[in-house]
């Protein structure tokens, strides 16, 4: 049997195992990331009945709260989901 050498650090492996996603630094412009965070925090703090469809907010361990279908809630997220360059990473 052979083993493939990982390019992830131990911290990145642990984070992936815990959260099931990786953070790729400097892939998106910082101002876009800040805007996305602002939008997500808004969706997480407004009254659940005010969340625009088809988005929904739910409870999921370990984070307690998540926003589903966020790629349909704002053009920034839709552009990110449909970006062919990022899909190749």
PDB file of N, CA and C in Angstrom:
ATOM      1  N   UNK A   1       0.836  -1.168   0.000  1.00  0.00           N
ATOM      2  CA  UNK A   1       0.000   0.000   0.000  1.00  0.00           C
ATOM      3  C   UNK A   1       0.889   1.242   0.000  1.00  0.00           C
ATOM      4  N   UNK A   2       0.445   2.266  -0.692  1.00  0.00           N
ATOM      5  CA  UNK A   2       1.194   3.520  -0.689  1.00  0.00           C
ATOM      6  C   UNK A   2       0.339   4.603  -0.045  1.00  0.00           C
ATOM      7  N   UNK A   3       1.008   5.632   0.412  1.00  0.00           N
ATOM      8  CA  UNK A   3       0.329   6.730   1.083  1.00  0.00           C
ATOM      9  C   UNK A   3       0.591   8.016   0.306  1.00  0.00           C
ATOM     10  N   UNK A   4      -0.481   8.765   0.068  1.00  0.00           N
ATOM     11  CA  UNK A   4      -0.349  10.049  -0.617  1.00  0.00           C
ATOM     12  C   UNK A   4      -0.013  11.114   0.421  1.00  0.00           C
ATOM     13  N   UNK A   5       1.007  11.868   0.141  1.00  0.00           N
ATOM     14  CA  UNK A   5       1.437  12.932   1.049  1.00  0.00           C
ATOM     15  C   UNK A   5       0.443  14.084   0.997  1.00  0.00           C
ATOM     16  N   UNK A   6      -0.050  14.505   2.137  1.00  0.00           N
ATOM     17  CA  UNK A   6      -0.993  15.611   2.215  1.00  0.00           C
ATOM     18  C   UNK A   6      -0.242  16.939   2.230  1.00  0.00           C
ATOM     19  N   UNK A   7      -0.822  17.925   1.580  1.00  0.00           N
ATOM     20  CA  UNK A   7      -0.251  19.270   1.632  1.00  0.00           C
ATOM     21  C   UNK A   7      -0.924  20.108   2.719  1.00  0.00           C
ATOM     22  N   UNK A   8      -1.885  19.517   3.417  1.00  0.00           N
ATOM     23  CA  UNK A   8      -2.567  20.225   4.497  1.00  0.00           C
ATOM     24  C   UNK A   8      -1.763  20.139   5.784  1.00  0.00           C
ATOM     25  N   UNK A   9      -1.830  21.196   6.560  1.00  0.00           N
ATOM     26  CA  UNK A   9      -1.212  21.164   7.882  1.00  0.00           C
ATOM     27  C   UNK A   9      -2.101  20.333   8.806  1.00  0.00           C
ATOM     28  N   UNK A  10      -1.591  19.959   9.945  1.00  0.00           N
ATOM     29  CA  UNK A  10      -2.398  19.212  10.916  1.00  0.00           C
ATOM     30  C   UNK A  10      -3.616  20.028  11.356  1.00  0.00           C
ATOM     31  N   UNK A  11      -3.441  21.339  11.524  1.00  0.00           N
ATOM     32  CA  UNK A  11      -4.551  22.219  11.890  1.00  0.00           C
ATOM     33  C   UNK A  11      -5.626  22.225  10.795  1.00  0.00           C
ATOM     34  N   UNK A  12      -5.196  22.288   9.527  1.00  0.00           N
ATOM     35  CA  UNK A  12      -6.149  22.282   8.417  1.00  0.00           C
ATOM     36  C   UNK A  12      -6.886  20.947   8.335  1.00  0.00           C
ATOM     37  N   UNK A  13      -6.195  19.841   8.574  1.00  0.00           N
ATOM     38  CA  UNK A  13      -6.846  18.526   8.581  1.00  0.00           C
ATOM     39  C   UNK A  13      -7.883  18.457   9.696  1.00  0.00           C
ATOM     40  N   UNK A  14      -7.516  18.927  10.877  1.00  0.00           N
ATOM     41  CA  UNK A  14      -8.427  18.914  12.013  1.00  0.00           C
ATOM     42  C   UNK A  14      -9.660  19.765  11.709  1.00  0.00           C
ATOM     43  N   UNK A  15      -9.438  20.964  11.149  1.00  0.00           N
ATOM     44  CA  UNK A  15     -10.542  21.860  10.820  1.00  0.00           C
ATOM     45  C   UNK A  15     -11.454  21.227   9.769  1.00  0.00           C
ATOM     46  N   UNK A  16     -10.882  20.586   8.765  1.00  0.00           N
ATOM     47  CA  UNK A  16     -11.683  19.922   7.736  1.00  0.00           C
ATOM     48  C   UNK A  16     -12.497  18.791   8.339  1.00  0.00           C
ATOM     49  N   UNK A  17     -11.882  17.988   9.182  1.00  0.00           N
ATOM     50  CA  UNK A  17     -12.606  16.899   9.832  1.00  0.00           C
ATOM     51  C   UNK A  17     -13.761  17.420  10.677  1.00  0.00           C
ATOM     52  N   UNK A  18     -13.562  18.542  11.327  1.00  0.00           N
ATOM     53  CA  UNK A  18     -14.576  19.104  12.214  1.00  0.00           C
ATOM     54  C   UNK A  18     -15.691  19.814  11.447  1.00  0.00           C
ATOM     55  N   UNK A  19     -15.325  20.609  10.427  1.00  0.00           N
ATOM     56  CA  UNK A  19     -16.307  21.462   9.751  1.00  0.00           C
ATOM     57  C   UNK A  19     -16.651  21.030   8.322  1.00  0.00           C
ATOM     58  N   UNK A  20     -15.876  20.114   7.745  1.00  0.00           N
ATOM     59  CA  UNK A  20     -16.106  19.600   6.380  1.00  0.00           C
ATOM     60  C   UNK A  20     -15.910  20.638   5.283  1.00  0.00           C
ATOM     61  N   UNK A  21     -15.100  21.646   5.531  1.00  0.00           N
ATOM     62  CA  UNK A  21     -14.726  22.568   4.474  1.00  0.00           C
ATOM     63  C   UNK A  21     -13.344  23.118   4.771  1.00  0.00           C
ATOM     64  N   UNK A  22     -12.704  23.633   3.740  1.00  0.00           N
ATOM     65  CA  UNK A  22     -11.384  24.230   3.864  1.00  0.00           C
ATOM     66  C   UNK A  22     -11.463  25.722   3.587  1.00  0.00           C
ATOM     67  N   UNK A  23     -10.600  26.469   4.196  1.00  0.00           N
ATOM     68  CA  UNK A  23     -10.469  27.890   3.905  1.00  0.00           C
ATOM     69  C   UNK A  23      -9.242  28.052   3.021  1.00  0.00           C
ATOM     70  N   UNK A  24      -9.471  28.527   1.809  1.00  0.00           N
ATOM     71  CA  UNK A  24      -8.374  28.780   0.886  1.00  0.00           C
ATOM     72  C   UNK A  24      -8.099  30.276   0.902  1.00  0.00           C
ATOM     73  N   UNK A  25      -7.020  30.641   1.516  1.00  0.00           N
ATOM     74  CA  UNK A  25      -6.710  32.055   1.697  1.00  0.00           C
ATOM     75  C   UNK A  25      -6.348  32.735   0.378  1.00  0.00           C
ATOM     76  N   UNK A  26      -6.792  33.993   0.285  1.00  0.00           N
ATOM     77  CA  UNK A  26      -6.487  34.872  -0.848  1.00  0.00           C
ATOM     78  C   UNK A  26      -7.037  34.382  -2.186  1.00  0.00           C
ATOM     79  N   UNK A  27      -8.077  33.562  -2.154  1.00  0.00           N
ATOM     80  CA  UNK A  27      -8.726  33.140  -3.393  1.00  0.00           C
ATOM     81  C   UNK A  27      -9.765  34.172  -3.811  1.00  0.00           C
ATOM     82  N   UNK A  28     -10.463  34.730  -2.832  1.00  0.00           N
ATOM     83  CA  UNK A  28     -11.460  35.781  -3.082  1.00  0.00           C
ATOM     84  C   UNK A  28     -10.923  37.108  -2.583  1.00  0.00           C
ATOM     85  N   UNK A  29     -11.330  38.186  -3.223  1.00  0.00           N
ATOM     86  CA  UNK A  29     -10.922  39.511  -2.728  1.00  0.00           C
ATOM     87  C   UNK A  29     -11.458  39.738  -1.306  1.00  0.00           C
ATOM     88  N   UNK A  30     -10.645  40.355  -0.487  1.00  0.00           N
ATOM     89  CA  UNK A  30     -10.992  40.571   0.918  1.00  0.00           C
ATOM     90  C   UNK A  30     -12.296  41.342   1.080  1.00  0.00           C
ATOM     91  N   UNK A  31     -12.537  42.341   0.233  1.00  0.00           N
ATOM     92  CA  UNK A  31     -13.766  43.119   0.364  1.00  0.00           C
ATOM     93  C   UNK A  31     -15.008  42.280   0.075  1.00  0.00           C
ATOM     94  N   UNK A  32     -14.917  41.308  -0.849  1.00  0.00           N
ATOM     95  CA  UNK A  32     -16.045  40.410  -1.116  1.00  0.00           C
ATOM     96  C   UNK A  32     -16.307  39.498   0.084  1.00  0.00           C
ATOM     97  N   UNK A  33     -15.249  38.978   0.678  1.00  0.00           N
ATOM     98  CA  UNK A  33     -15.404  38.119   1.849  1.00  0.00           C
ATOM     99  C   UNK A  33     -16.047  38.900   2.988  1.00  0.00           C
ATOM    100  N   UNK A  34     -15.608  40.129   3.200  1.00  0.00           N
ATOM    101  CA  UNK A  34     -16.185  40.954   4.266  1.00  0.00           C
ATOM    102  C   UNK A  34     -17.663  41.224   4.003  1.00  0.00           C
ATOM    103  N   UNK A  35     -18.022  41.481   2.748  1.00  0.00           N
ATOM    104  CA  UNK A  35     -19.431  41.707   2.403  1.00  0.00           C
ATOM    105  C   UNK A  35     -20.256  40.436   2.617  1.00  0.00           C
ATOM    106  N   UNK A  36     -19.717  39.282   2.222  1.00  0.00           N
ATOM    107  CA  UNK A  36     -20.415  38.002   2.426  1.00  0.00           C
ATOM    108  C   UNK A  36     -20.647  37.741   3.915  1.00  0.00           C
ATOM    109  N   UNK A  37     -19.631  38.001   4.720  1.00  0.00           N
ATOM    110  CA  UNK A  37     -19.779  37.805   6.169  1.00  0.00           C
ATOM    111  C   UNK A  37     -20.847  38.720   6.745  1.00  0.00           C
ATOM    112  N   UNK A  38     -20.873  39.968   6.271  1.00  0.00           N
ATOM    113  CA  UNK A  38     -21.878  40.918   6.736  1.00  0.00           C
ATOM    114  C   UNK A  38     -23.292  40.425   6.382  1.00  0.00           C
ATOM    115  N   UNK A  39     -23.460  39.923   5.170  1.00  0.00           N
ATOM    116  CA  UNK A  39     -24.754  39.403   4.725  1.00  0.00           C
ATOM    117  C   UNK A  39     -25.154  38.186   5.551  1.00  0.00           C
ATOM    118  N   UNK A  40     -24.222  37.243   5.722  1.00  0.00           N
ATOM    119  CA  UNK A  40     -24.524  36.036   6.509  1.00  0.00           C
ATOM    120  C   UNK A  40     -24.879  36.370   7.951  1.00  0.00           C
ATOM    121  N   UNK A  41     -24.131  37.275   8.556  1.00  0.00           N
ATOM    122  CA  UNK A  41     -24.445  37.668   9.938  1.00  0.00           C
ATOM    123  C   UNK A  41     -25.824  38.312  10.027  1.00  0.00           C
ATOM    124  N   UNK A  42     -26.188  39.071   9.007  1.00  0.00           N
ATOM    125  CA  UNK A  42     -27.532  39.657   8.970  1.00  0.00           C
ATOM    126  C   UNK A  42     -28.593  38.550   8.936  1.00  0.00           C
ATOM    127  N   UNK A  43     -28.408  37.573   8.056  1.00  0.00           N
ATOM    128  CA  UNK A  43     -29.369  36.473   7.958  1.00  0.00           C
ATOM    129  C   UNK A  43     -29.458  35.672   9.253  1.00  0.00           C
ATOM    130  N   UNK A  44     -28.338  35.585   9.972  1.00  0.00           N
ATOM    131  CA  UNK A  44     -28.329  34.818  11.216  1.00  0.00           C
ATOM    132  C   UNK A  44     -28.960  35.577  12.383  1.00  0.00           C
ATOM    133  N   UNK A  45     -29.075  36.893  12.270  1.00  0.00           N
ATOM    134  CA  UNK A  45     -29.566  37.676  13.401  1.00  0.00           C
ATOM    135  C   UNK A  45     -30.978  38.221  13.209  1.00  0.00           C
ATOM    136  N   UNK A  46     -31.471  38.288  11.966  1.00  0.00           N
ATOM    137  CA  UNK A  46     -32.828  38.800  11.768  1.00  0.00           C
ATOM    138  C   UNK A  46     -33.846  37.751  12.206  1.00  0.00           C
ATOM    139  N   UNK A  47     -35.068  38.180  12.370  1.00  0.00           N
ATOM    140  CA  UNK A  47     -36.140  37.255  12.722  1.00  0.00           C
ATOM    141  C   UNK A  47     -36.270  36.196  11.629  1.00  0.00           C
ATOM    142  N   UNK A  48     -36.480  34.965  12.037  1.00  0.00           N
ATOM    143  CA  UNK A  48     -36.524  33.859  11.080  1.00  0.00           C
ATOM    144  C   UNK A  48     -37.581  34.073   9.997  1.00  0.00           C
ATOM    145  N   UNK A  49     -38.672  34.723  10.332  1.00  0.00           N
ATOM    146  CA  UNK A  49     -39.741  34.969   9.353  1.00  0.00           C
ATOM    147  C   UNK A  49     -39.345  36.008   8.303  1.00  0.00           C
ATOM    148  N   UNK A  50     -38.293  36.769   8.555  1.00  0.00           N
ATOM    149  CA  UNK A  50     -37.831  37.794   7.612  1.00  0.00           C
ATOM    150  C   UNK A  50     -36.774  37.287   6.638  1.00  0.00           C
ATOM    151  N   UNK A  51     -36.368  36.047   6.769  1.00  0.00           N
ATOM    152  CA  UNK A  51     -35.356  35.492   5.864  1.00  0.00           C
ATOM    153  C   UNK A  51     -36.000  35.273   4.496  1.00  0.00           C
ATOM    154  N   UNK A  52     -35.391  35.831   3.434  1.00  0.00           N
ATOM    155  CA  UNK A  52     -36.016  35.724   2.106  1.00  0.00           C
ATOM    156  C   UNK A  52     -35.966  34.294   1.565  1.00  0.00           C
ATOM    157  N   UNK A  53     -37.082  33.813   1.022  1.00  0.00           N
ATOM    158  CA  UNK A  53     -37.082  32.473   0.429  1.00  0.00           C
ATOM    159  C   UNK A  53     -36.197  32.447  -0.814  1.00  0.00           C
ATOM    160  N   UNK A  54     -35.585  31.360  -1.169  1.00  0.00           N
ATOM    161  CA  UNK A  54     -35.725  30.027  -0.598  1.00  0.00           C
ATOM    162  C   UNK A  54     -34.782  29.757   0.581  1.00  0.00           C
ATOM    163  N   UNK A  55     -34.116  30.802   1.093  1.00  0.00           N
ATOM    164  CA  UNK A  55     -33.222  30.606   2.236  1.00  0.00           C
ATOM    165  C   UNK A  55     -34.015  30.073   3.419  1.00  0.00           C
ATOM    166  N   UNK A  56     -33.326  29.349   4.258  1.00  0.00           N
ATOM    167  CA  UNK A  56     -33.912  28.961   5.540  1.00  0.00           C
ATOM    168  C   UNK A  56     -32.811  28.893   6.574  1.00  0.00           C
ATOM    169  N   UNK A  57     -33.191  29.129   7.790  1.00  0.00           N
ATOM    170  CA  UNK A  57     -32.233  29.047   8.886  1.00  0.00           C
ATOM    171  C   UNK A  57     -32.627  27.852   9.732  1.00  0.00           C
ATOM    172  N   UNK A  58     -31.640  27.053  10.077  1.00  0.00           N
ATOM    173  CA  UNK A  58     -31.919  25.861  10.855  1.00  0.00           C
ATOM    174  C   UNK A  58     -30.877  25.646  11.925  1.00  0.00           C
ATOM    175  N   UNK A  59     -31.098  24.629  12.703  1.00  0.00           N
ATOM    176  CA  UNK A  59     -30.181  24.264  13.777  1.00  0.00           C
ATOM    177  C   UNK A  59     -29.417  23.012  13.364  1.00  0.00           C
ATOM    178  N   UNK A  60     -28.100  23.069  13.529  1.00  0.00           N
ATOM    179  CA  UNK A  60     -27.261  21.927  13.182  1.00  0.00           C
ATOM    180  C   UNK A  60     -26.028  21.937  14.062  1.00  0.00           C
ATOM    181  N   UNK A  61     -25.736  20.830  14.695  1.00  0.00           N
ATOM    182  CA  UNK A  61     -24.537  20.714  15.527  1.00  0.00           C
ATOM    183  C   UNK A  61     -23.307  20.689  14.629  1.00  0.00           C
ATOM    184  N   UNK A  62     -22.162  21.178  15.012  1.00  0.00           N
ATOM    185  CA  UNK A  62     -21.855  21.789  16.300  1.00  0.00           C
ATOM    186  C   UNK A  62     -22.095  23.297  16.306  1.00  0.00           C
ATOM    187  N   UNK A  63     -22.466  23.864  15.167  1.00  0.00           N
ATOM    188  CA  UNK A  63     -22.544  25.323  15.065  1.00  0.00           C
ATOM    189  C   UNK A  63     -23.874  25.894  15.538  1.00  0.00           C
ATOM    190  N   UNK A  64     -24.849  25.054  15.770  1.00  0.00           N
ATOM    191  CA  UNK A  64     -26.173  25.442  16.271  1.00  0.00           C
ATOM    192  C   UNK A  64     -27.053  26.087  15.212  1.00  0.00           C
ATOM    193  N   UNK A  65     -26.521  26.947  14.360  1.00  0.00           N
ATOM    194  CA  UNK A  65     -27.342  27.646  13.382  1.00  0.00           C
ATOM    195  C   UNK A  65     -26.640  27.640  12.027  1.00  0.00           C
ATOM    196  N   UNK A  66     -27.426  27.426  11.000  1.00  0.00           N
ATOM    197  CA  UNK A  66     -26.878  27.524   9.643  1.00  0.00           C
ATOM    198  C   UNK A  66     -27.924  28.132   8.722  1.00  0.00           C
ATOM    199  N   UNK A  67     -27.481  28.649   7.587  1.00  0.00           N
ATOM    200  CA  UNK A  67     -28.368  29.200   6.571  1.00  0.00           C
ATOM    201  C   UNK A  67     -28.292  28.275   5.365  1.00  0.00           C
ATOM    202  N   UNK A  68     -29.431  27.746   4.982  1.00  0.00           N
ATOM    203  CA  UNK A  68     -29.497  26.859   3.830  1.00  0.00           C
ATOM    204  C   UNK A  68     -29.855  27.614   2.562  1.00  0.00           C
ATOM    205  N   UNK A  69     -29.327  27.159   1.440  1.00  0.00           N
ATOM    206  CA  UNK A  69     -29.581  27.728   0.118  1.00  0.00           C
ATOM    207  C   UNK A  69     -29.097  29.175  -0.007  1.00  0.00           C
ATOM    208  N   UNK A  70     -28.039  29.508   0.737  1.00  0.00           N
ATOM    209  CA  UNK A  70     -27.545  30.891   0.722  1.00  0.00           C
ATOM    210  C   UNK A  70     -27.075  31.334  -0.660  1.00  0.00           C
ATOM    211  N   UNK A  71     -26.720  30.387  -1.533  1.00  0.00           N
ATOM    212  CA  UNK A  71     -26.259  30.768  -2.873  1.00  0.00           C
ATOM    213  C   UNK A  71     -27.372  31.439  -3.678  1.00  0.00           C
ATOM    214  N   UNK A  72     -28.627  31.312  -3.227  1.00  0.00           N
ATOM    215  CA  UNK A  72     -29.739  31.968  -3.919  1.00  0.00           C
ATOM    216  C   UNK A  72     -30.155  33.269  -3.243  1.00  0.00           C
ATOM    217  N   UNK A  73     -29.531  33.622  -2.146  1.00  0.00           N
ATOM    218  CA  UNK A  73     -29.965  34.769  -1.375  1.00  0.00           C
ATOM    219  C   UNK A  73     -29.317  36.084  -1.739  1.00  0.00           C
ATOM    220  N   UNK A  74     -28.189  36.026  -2.443  1.00  0.00           N
ATOM    221  CA  UNK A  74     -27.485  37.262  -2.812  1.00  0.00           C
ATOM    222  C   UNK A  74     -26.586  36.959  -4.009  1.00  0.00           C
ATOM    223  N   UNK A  75     -26.445  37.946  -4.873  1.00  0.00           N
ATOM    224  CA  UNK A  75     -25.660  37.765  -6.102  1.00  0.00           C
ATOM    225  C   UNK A  75     -24.208  37.374  -5.818  1.00  0.00           C
ATOM    226  N   UNK A  76     -23.606  37.879  -4.747  1.00  0.00           N
ATOM    227  CA  UNK A  76     -22.227  37.505  -4.424  1.00  0.00           C
ATOM    228  C   UNK A  76     -22.073  36.002  -4.239  1.00  0.00           C
ATOM    229  N   UNK A  77     -23.043  35.388  -3.558  1.00  0.00           N
ATOM    230  CA  UNK A  77     -22.969  33.948  -3.311  1.00  0.00           C
ATOM    231  C   UNK A  77     -23.278  33.155  -4.582  1.00  0.00           C
ATOM    232  N   UNK A  78     -24.191  33.658  -5.381  1.00  0.00           N
ATOM    233  CA  UNK A  78     -24.494  32.983  -6.642  1.00  0.00           C
ATOM    234  C   UNK A  78     -23.282  33.021  -7.567  1.00  0.00           C
ATOM    235  N   UNK A  79     -22.627  34.180  -7.645  1.00  0.00           N
ATOM    236  CA  UNK A  79     -21.424  34.295  -8.470  1.00  0.00           C
ATOM    237  C   UNK A  79     -20.327  33.351  -7.998  1.00  0.00           C
ATOM    238  N   UNK A  80     -20.194  33.213  -6.692  1.00  0.00           N
ATOM    239  CA  UNK A  80     -19.196  32.314  -6.140  1.00  0.00           C
ATOM    240  C   UNK A  80     -19.505  30.870  -6.503  1.00  0.00           C
ATOM    241  N   UNK A  81     -20.772  30.478  -6.367  1.00  0.00           N
ATOM    242  CA  UNK A  81     -21.168  29.090  -6.678  1.00  0.00           C
ATOM    243  C   UNK A  81     -21.012  28.760  -8.158  1.00  0.00           C
ATOM    244  N   UNK A  82     -21.153  29.762  -9.010  1.00  0.00           N
ATOM    245  CA  UNK A  82     -21.110  29.529 -10.458  1.00  0.00           C
ATOM    246  C   UNK A  82     -19.777  29.878 -11.104  1.00  0.00           C
ATOM    247  N   UNK A  83     -18.771  30.246 -10.309  1.00  0.00           N
ATOM    248  CA  UNK A  83     -17.479  30.674 -10.842  1.00  0.00           C
ATOM    249  C   UNK A  83     -16.693  29.473 -11.369  1.00  0.00           C
ATOM    250  N   UNK A  84     -16.531  29.350 -12.685  1.00  0.00           N
ATOM    251  CA  UNK A  84     -15.845  28.171 -13.236  1.00  0.00           C
ATOM    252  C   UNK A  84     -14.370  28.106 -12.840  1.00  0.00           C
ATOM    253  N   UNK A  85     -13.725  29.236 -12.626  1.00  0.00           N
ATOM    254  CA  UNK A  85     -12.314  29.241 -12.235  1.00  0.00           C
ATOM    255  C   UNK A  85     -12.155  28.620 -10.854  1.00  0.00           C
ATOM    256  N   UNK A  86     -13.034  28.979  -9.928  1.00  0.00           N
ATOM    257  CA  UNK A  86     -12.932  28.445  -8.570  1.00  0.00           C
ATOM    258  C   UNK A  86     -13.305  26.971  -8.529  1.00  0.00           C
ATOM    259  N   UNK A  87     -14.154  26.515  -9.432  1.00  0.00           N
ATOM    260  CA  UNK A  87     -14.535  25.113  -9.455  1.00  0.00           C
ATOM    261  C   UNK A  87     -13.356  24.224  -9.835  1.00  0.00           C
ATOM    262  N   UNK A  88     -12.353  24.790 -10.482  1.00  0.00           N
ATOM    263  CA  UNK A  88     -11.176  24.032 -10.894  1.00  0.00           C
ATOM    264  C   UNK A  88     -10.140  23.899  -9.787  1.00  0.00           C
ATOM    265  N   UNK A  89     -10.309  24.654  -8.684  1.00  0.00           N
ATOM    266  CA  UNK A  89      -9.310  24.612  -7.608  1.00  0.00           C
ATOM    267  C   UNK A  89      -9.296  23.281  -6.918  1.00  0.00           C
TER     268      UNK A  89
END
